[in-house]
C-alpha atoms as a PDB file:
ATOM      1  CA  UNK A   1    -194.868 -21.958  56.046  1.00  0.00           C
ATOM      2  CA  UNK A   2    -193.410 -18.596  57.071  1.00  0.00           C
ATOM      3  CA  UNK A   3    -191.797 -16.323  54.552  1.00  0.00           C
ATOM      4  CA  UNK A   4    -188.409 -15.112  55.683  1.00  0.00           C
ATOM      5  CA  UNK A   5    -187.583 -11.610  54.575  1.00  0.00           C
ATOM      6  CA  UNK A   6    -183.896 -10.747  54.454  1.00  0.00           C
ATOM      7  CA  UNK A   7    -182.683  -8.024  56.792  1.00  0.00           C
ATOM      8  CA  UNK A   8    -182.434  -4.632  55.103  1.00  0.00           C
ATOM      9  CA  UNK A   9    -178.941  -3.716  53.915  1.00  0.00           C
ATOM     10  CA  UNK A  10    -179.811  -0.047  53.291  1.00  0.00           C
ATOM     11  CA  UNK A  11    -182.651   2.114  54.531  1.00  0.00           C
ATOM     12  CA  UNK A  12    -184.608   1.772  51.289  1.00  0.00           C
ATOM     13  CA  UNK A  13    -184.802  -1.976  51.759  1.00  0.00           C
ATOM     14  CA  UNK A  14    -187.212  -1.371  54.635  1.00  0.00           C
ATOM     15  CA  UNK A  15    -189.905  -0.101  52.229  1.00  0.00           C
ATOM     16  CA  UNK A  16    -188.853  -1.389  48.806  1.00  0.00           C
ATOM     17  CA  UNK A  17    -190.841  -4.603  48.482  1.00  0.00           C
ATOM     18  CA  UNK A  18    -192.027  -4.178  44.875  1.00  0.00           C
ATOM     19  CA  UNK A  19    -190.843  -2.743  41.585  1.00  0.00           C
ATOM     20  CA  UNK A  20    -193.296   0.143  42.055  1.00  0.00           C
ATOM     21  CA  UNK A  21    -191.754   1.011  45.424  1.00  0.00           C
ATOM     22  CA  UNK A  22    -188.271   0.830  43.890  1.00  0.00           C
ATOM     23  CA  UNK A  23    -189.336   3.097  41.017  1.00  0.00           C
ATOM     24  CA  UNK A  24    -190.799   5.616  43.460  1.00  0.00           C
ATOM     25  CA  UNK A  25    -187.556   5.557  45.471  1.00  0.00           C
ATOM     26  CA  UNK A  26    -185.430   6.096  42.346  1.00  0.00           C
ATOM     27  CA  UNK A  27    -187.577   8.976  41.108  1.00  0.00           C
ATOM     28  CA  UNK A  28    -187.830  10.396  44.619  1.00  0.00           C
ATOM     29  CA  UNK A  29    -184.044  10.310  44.949  1.00  0.00           C
ATOM     30  CA  UNK A  30    -183.692  12.218  41.677  1.00  0.00           C
ATOM     31  CA  UNK A  31    -186.272  14.778  42.770  1.00  0.00           C
ATOM     32  CA  UNK A  32    -184.592  15.198  46.167  1.00  0.00           C
ATOM     33  CA  UNK A  33    -181.286  16.024  44.468  1.00  0.00           C
ATOM     34  CA  UNK A  34    -183.052  18.356  42.011  1.00  0.00           C
ATOM     35  CA  UNK A  35    -184.768  20.242  44.832  1.00  0.00           C
ATOM     36  CA  UNK A  36    -181.559  20.382  46.881  1.00  0.00           C
ATOM     37  CA  UNK A  37    -179.743  21.857  43.877  1.00  0.00           C
ATOM     38  CA  UNK A  38    -182.009  24.896  44.089  1.00  0.00           C
ATOM     39  CA  UNK A  39    -180.460  25.875  47.424  1.00  0.00           C
ATOM     40  CA  UNK A  40    -177.659  27.897  45.861  1.00  0.00           C
ATOM     41  CA  UNK A  41    -175.083  30.295  47.217  1.00  0.00           C
ATOM     42  CA  UNK A  42    -173.139  31.754  44.264  1.00  0.00           C
ATOM     43  CA  UNK A  43    -169.486  32.336  45.006  1.00  0.00           C
ATOM     44  CA  UNK A  44    -168.002  35.235  43.025  1.00  0.00           C
ATOM     45  CA  UNK A  45    -164.543  33.701  42.859  1.00  0.00           C
ATOM     46  CA  UNK A  46    -165.512  30.322  41.322  1.00  0.00           C
ATOM     47  CA  UNK A  47    -167.828  29.099  38.541  1.00  0.00           C
ATOM     48  CA  UNK A  48    -169.033  26.315  40.861  1.00  0.00           C
ATOM     49  CA  UNK A  49    -171.829  27.412  43.230  1.00  0.00           C
ATOM     50  CA  UNK A  50    -172.305  26.163  46.771  1.00  0.00           C
ATOM     51  CA  UNK A  51    -175.418  23.946  46.879  1.00  0.00           C
ATOM     52  CA  UNK A  52    -176.945  21.144  48.907  1.00  0.00           C
ATOM     53  CA  UNK A  53    -176.601  18.839  45.892  1.00  0.00           C
ATOM     54  CA  UNK A  54    -173.630  16.830  47.127  1.00  0.00           C
ATOM     55  CA  UNK A  55    -175.293  16.259  50.497  1.00  0.00           C
ATOM     56  CA  UNK A  56    -178.433  15.010  48.738  1.00  0.00           C
ATOM     57  CA  UNK A  57    -176.471  12.796  46.330  1.00  0.00           C
ATOM     58  CA  UNK A  58    -174.562  11.104  49.129  1.00  0.00           C
ATOM     59  CA  UNK A  59    -177.708  10.638  51.223  1.00  0.00           C
ATOM     60  CA  UNK A  60    -179.504   9.122  48.233  1.00  0.00           C
ATOM     61  CA  UNK A  61    -176.630   6.720  47.559  1.00  0.00           C
ATOM     62  CA  UNK A  62    -176.366   5.733  51.226  1.00  0.00           C
ATOM     63  CA  UNK A  63    -180.107   5.318  51.748  1.00  0.00           C
ATOM     64  CA  UNK A  64    -180.976   3.642  48.446  1.00  0.00           C
ATOM     65  CA  UNK A  65    -177.935   1.436  47.869  1.00  0.00           C
ATOM     66  CA  UNK A  66    -175.948   0.802  44.732  1.00  0.00           C
ATOM     67  CA  UNK A  67    -178.416   0.187  41.924  1.00  0.00           C
ATOM     68  CA  UNK A  68    -181.193   2.509  43.120  1.00  0.00           C
ATOM     69  CA  UNK A  69    -178.676   5.253  43.928  1.00  0.00           C
ATOM     70  CA  UNK A  70    -177.016   5.018  40.515  1.00  0.00           C
ATOM     71  CA  UNK A  71    -180.407   4.876  38.782  1.00  0.00           C
ATOM     72  CA  UNK A  72    -181.526   8.002  40.658  1.00  0.00           C
ATOM     73  CA  UNK A  73    -178.448   9.936  39.573  1.00  0.00           C
ATOM     74  CA  UNK A  74    -178.712   8.703  35.968  1.00  0.00           C
ATOM     75  CA  UNK A  75    -182.320   9.940  35.892  1.00  0.00           C
ATOM     76  CA  UNK A  76    -181.244  13.231  37.475  1.00  0.00           C
ATOM     77  CA  UNK A  77    -178.374  13.747  35.000  1.00  0.00           C
ATOM     78  CA  UNK A  78    -180.363  12.635  31.947  1.00  0.00           C
ATOM     79  CA  UNK A  79    -183.402  14.765  32.752  1.00  0.00           C
ATOM     80  CA  UNK A  80    -181.267  17.819  33.483  1.00  0.00           C
ATOM     81  CA  UNK A  81    -179.184  17.317  30.342  1.00  0.00           C
ATOM     82  CA  UNK A  82    -182.394  16.992  28.312  1.00  0.00           C
ATOM     83  CA  UNK A  83    -183.632  20.346  29.604  1.00  0.00           C
ATOM     84  CA  UNK A  84    -185.336  19.851  32.954  1.00  0.00           C
ATOM     85  CA  UNK A  85    -184.298  22.938  34.953  1.00  0.00           C
ATOM     86  CA  UNK A  86    -183.140  21.204  38.110  1.00  0.00           C
ATOM     87  CA  UNK A  87    -179.386  21.534  38.061  1.00  0.00           C
ATOM     88  CA  UNK A  88    -178.059  24.238  40.378  1.00  0.00           C
ATOM     89  CA  UNK A  89    -180.084  27.456  40.277  1.00  0.00           C
ATOM     90  CA  UNK A  90    -182.570  26.015  37.785  1.00  0.00           C
ATOM     91  CA  UNK A  91    -180.034  25.420  35.035  1.00  0.00           C
ATOM     92  CA  UNK A  92    -180.062  22.493  32.625  1.00  0.00           C
ATOM     93  CA  UNK A  93    -178.261  21.153  29.591  1.00  0.00           C
ATOM     94  CA  UNK A  94    -174.951  19.599  28.731  1.00  0.00           C
ATOM     95  CA  UNK A  95    -171.611  21.145  29.592  1.00  0.00           C
ATOM     96  CA  UNK A  96    -170.704  24.101  31.711  1.00  0.00           C
ATOM     97  CA  UNK A  97    -167.830  24.272  34.143  1.00  0.00           C
ATOM     98  CA  UNK A  98    -169.625  22.287  36.848  1.00  0.00           C
ATOM     99  CA  UNK A  99    -171.048  19.486  34.670  1.00  0.00           C
ATOM    100  CA  UNK A 100    -168.282  17.123  35.783  1.00  0.00           C
ATOM    101  CA  UNK A 101    -169.697  17.174  39.287  1.00  0.00           C
ATOM    102  CA  UNK A 102    -173.034  15.931  37.916  1.00  0.00           C
ATOM    103  CA  UNK A 103    -171.220  13.054  36.209  1.00  0.00           C
ATOM    104  CA  UNK A 104    -169.383  12.423  39.465  1.00  0.00           C
ATOM    105  CA  UNK A 105    -172.728  12.113  41.255  1.00  0.00           C
ATOM    106  CA  UNK A 106    -173.463   8.911  39.340  1.00  0.00           C
ATOM    107  CA  UNK A 107    -170.189   7.234  40.322  1.00  0.00           C
ATOM    108  CA  UNK A 108    -170.345   8.553  43.904  1.00  0.00           C
ATOM    109  CA  UNK A 109    -173.889   7.229  44.390  1.00  0.00           C
ATOM    110  CA  UNK A 110    -172.690   3.793  43.298  1.00  0.00           C
ATOM    111  CA  UNK A 111    -169.616   3.787  45.536  1.00  0.00           C
ATOM    112  CA  UNK A 112    -171.496   5.159  48.543  1.00  0.00           C
ATOM    113  CA  UNK A 113    -174.390   2.783  47.916  1.00  0.00           C
ATOM    114  CA  UNK A 114    -172.089  -0.236  47.790  1.00  0.00           C
ATOM    115  CA  UNK A 115    -170.346   0.759  51.019  1.00  0.00           C
ATOM    116  CA  UNK A 116    -173.696   1.440  52.707  1.00  0.00           C
ATOM    117  CA  UNK A 117    -174.842  -2.065  51.742  1.00  0.00           C
ATOM    118  CA  UNK A 118    -171.844  -3.353  53.697  1.00  0.00           C
ATOM    119  CA  UNK A 119    -172.878  -1.506  56.866  1.00  0.00           C
ATOM    120  CA  UNK A 120    -171.124   1.835  56.487  1.00  0.00           C
ATOM    121  CA  UNK A 121    -174.148   3.832  57.722  1.00  0.00           C
ATOM    122  CA  UNK A 122    -174.549   2.092  61.068  1.00  0.00           C
ATOM    123  CA  UNK A 123    -172.207   4.262  63.158  1.00  0.00           C
ATOM    124  CA  UNK A 124    -171.366   7.968  63.031  1.00  0.00           C
ATOM    125  CA  UNK A 125    -167.656   7.351  62.384  1.00  0.00           C
ATOM    126  CA  UNK A 126    -168.245   4.889  59.545  1.00  0.00           C
ATOM    127  CA  UNK A 127    -170.899   7.188  58.044  1.00  0.00           C
ATOM    128  CA  UNK A 128    -168.468  10.122  58.151  1.00  0.00           C
ATOM    129  CA  UNK A 129    -165.855   7.996  56.360  1.00  0.00           C
ATOM    130  CA  UNK A 130    -168.436   6.962  53.783  1.00  0.00           C
ATOM    131  CA  UNK A 131    -169.318  10.597  53.095  1.00  0.00           C
ATOM    132  CA  UNK A 132    -165.660  11.563  52.788  1.00  0.00           C
ATOM    133  CA  UNK A 133    -165.153   8.802  50.198  1.00  0.00           C
ATOM    134  CA  UNK A 134    -168.225  10.010  48.277  1.00  0.00           C
ATOM    135  CA  UNK A 135    -166.983  13.596  48.311  1.00  0.00           C
ATOM    136  CA  UNK A 136    -163.551  12.516  47.054  1.00  0.00           C
ATOM    137  CA  UNK A 137    -165.195  10.718  44.120  1.00  0.00           C
ATOM    138  CA  UNK A 138    -167.305  13.782  43.265  1.00  0.00           C
ATOM    139  CA  UNK A 139    -164.316  16.129  43.579  1.00  0.00           C
ATOM    140  CA  UNK A 140    -162.043  13.902  41.497  1.00  0.00           C
ATOM    141  CA  UNK A 141    -164.415  13.814  38.536  1.00  0.00           C
ATOM    142  CA  UNK A 142    -165.714  17.374  39.003  1.00  0.00           C
ATOM    143  CA  UNK A 143    -162.299  19.024  39.300  1.00  0.00           C
ATOM    144  CA  UNK A 144    -160.893  17.074  36.367  1.00  0.00           C
ATOM    145  CA  UNK A 145    -163.799  18.214  34.186  1.00  0.00           C
ATOM    146  CA  UNK A 146    -163.520  21.789  35.532  1.00  0.00           C
ATOM    147  CA  UNK A 147    -159.804  21.931  34.738  1.00  0.00           C
ATOM    148  CA  UNK A 148    -160.395  21.158  31.088  1.00  0.00           C
ATOM    149  CA  UNK A 149    -163.641  23.140  30.790  1.00  0.00           C
ATOM    150  CA  UNK A 150    -161.956  26.387  31.840  1.00  0.00           C
ATOM    151  CA  UNK A 151    -158.469  25.460  30.559  1.00  0.00           C
ATOM    152  CA  UNK A 152    -156.860  25.928  33.964  1.00  0.00           C
ATOM    153  CA  UNK A 153    -153.955  24.418  35.854  1.00  0.00           C
ATOM    154  CA  UNK A 154    -154.579  21.714  38.412  1.00  0.00           C
ATOM    155  CA  UNK A 155    -153.825  24.187  41.208  1.00  0.00           C
ATOM    156  CA  UNK A 156    -156.410  26.631  39.869  1.00  0.00           C
ATOM    157  CA  UNK A 157    -158.998  23.894  39.376  1.00  0.00           C
ATOM    158  CA  UNK A 158    -158.496  22.730  42.973  1.00  0.00           C
ATOM    159  CA  UNK A 159    -158.650  26.310  44.247  1.00  0.00           C
ATOM    160  CA  UNK A 160    -161.927  26.896  42.393  1.00  0.00           C
ATOM    161  CA  UNK A 161    -163.525  23.465  42.661  1.00  0.00           C
ATOM    162  CA  UNK A 162    -162.561  22.074  46.070  1.00  0.00           C
ATOM    163  CA  UNK A 163    -161.131  24.589  48.545  1.00  0.00           C
ATOM    164  CA  UNK A 164    -164.215  26.858  48.792  1.00  0.00           C
ATOM    165  CA  UNK A 165    -166.431  23.880  49.640  1.00  0.00           C
ATOM    166  CA  UNK A 166    -164.416  22.072  52.313  1.00  0.00           C
ATOM    167  CA  UNK A 167    -166.030  23.754  55.336  1.00  0.00           C
ATOM    168  CA  UNK A 168    -169.548  23.252  53.969  1.00  0.00           C
ATOM    169  CA  UNK A 169    -168.797  19.625  53.151  1.00  0.00           C
ATOM    170  CA  UNK A 170    -167.480  19.054  56.675  1.00  0.00           C
ATOM    171  CA  UNK A 171    -170.807  20.327  58.043  1.00  0.00           C
ATOM    172  CA  UNK A 172    -172.774  18.111  55.635  1.00  0.00           C
ATOM    173  CA  UNK A 173    -170.671  15.103  56.651  1.00  0.00           C
ATOM    174  CA  UNK A 174    -171.338  15.800  60.337  1.00  0.00           C
ATOM    175  CA  UNK A 175    -175.072  16.060  59.654  1.00  0.00           C
ATOM    176  CA  UNK A 176    -175.123  12.774  57.719  1.00  0.00           C
ATOM    177  CA  UNK A 177    -173.037  11.105  60.448  1.00  0.00           C
ATOM    178  CA  UNK A 178    -175.880  11.796  62.853  1.00  0.00           C
ATOM    179  CA  UNK A 179    -178.812  11.349  60.503  1.00  0.00           C
ATOM    180  CA  UNK A 180    -178.151   7.928  58.987  1.00  0.00           C
ATOM    181  CA  UNK A 181    -177.087   6.008  62.130  1.00  0.00           C
ATOM    182  CA  UNK A 182    -179.884   7.762  64.030  1.00  0.00           C
ATOM    183  CA  UNK A 183    -182.425   6.463  61.525  1.00  0.00           C
ATOM    184  CA  UNK A 184    -181.069   2.926  61.919  1.00  0.00           C
ATOM    185  CA  UNK A 185    -181.407   3.255  65.715  1.00  0.00           C
ATOM    186  CA  UNK A 186    -185.040   4.353  65.345  1.00  0.00           C
ATOM    187  CA  UNK A 187    -185.746   1.404  63.056  1.00  0.00           C
ATOM    188  CA  UNK A 188    -184.075  -0.936  65.532  1.00  0.00           C
ATOM    189  CA  UNK A 189    -186.351   0.334  68.291  1.00  0.00           C
ATOM    190  CA  UNK A 190    -189.289  -0.378  65.979  1.00  0.00           C
ATOM    191  CA  UNK A 191    -188.108  -3.978  65.631  1.00  0.00           C
ATOM    192  CA  UNK A 192    -186.367  -3.672  62.242  1.00  0.00           C
ATOM    193  CA  UNK A 193    -182.811  -4.953  62.507  1.00  0.00           C
ATOM    194  CA  UNK A 194    -180.052  -4.714  59.953  1.00  0.00           C
END
């Protein structure tokens, strides 16, 4: 009797055949975000630095799916809050003006993961839309937290927490729009179909 394996819904499903593999993917996703957070460009006009964190978070959510993506970001947030120096520029701990973005990573990974499970990473256009949705989730939570953390108006919070990052996010979205569907095409050529 042949065992029928379901088609992968997200990229991680290709390799995640055991709880050990899933654990490695979750921890690897957390580490990827932690390493990406160390690529920092401080901006003198905002307390929120430019990093590769959001790109990594959205890739993790899209590649791992809902539960693994959320678990990765919970591990990332919990370890950093507990003192592991892997938030942006090697920082850690609770609070700070940009902590809301870290909380937003958890929700964004879940939303992006759920949409990826429904096929949103198969084409460049759908992947771009997926990444835009993920960024909106991160910005919504991050800017709200920033507004209250620095006691600013909504206009100031948007000017400090969104506007400086739009060009960089557009580039990250374009990169993901090529990377994720391209990976699916390579897997398809190798005989792995979604």
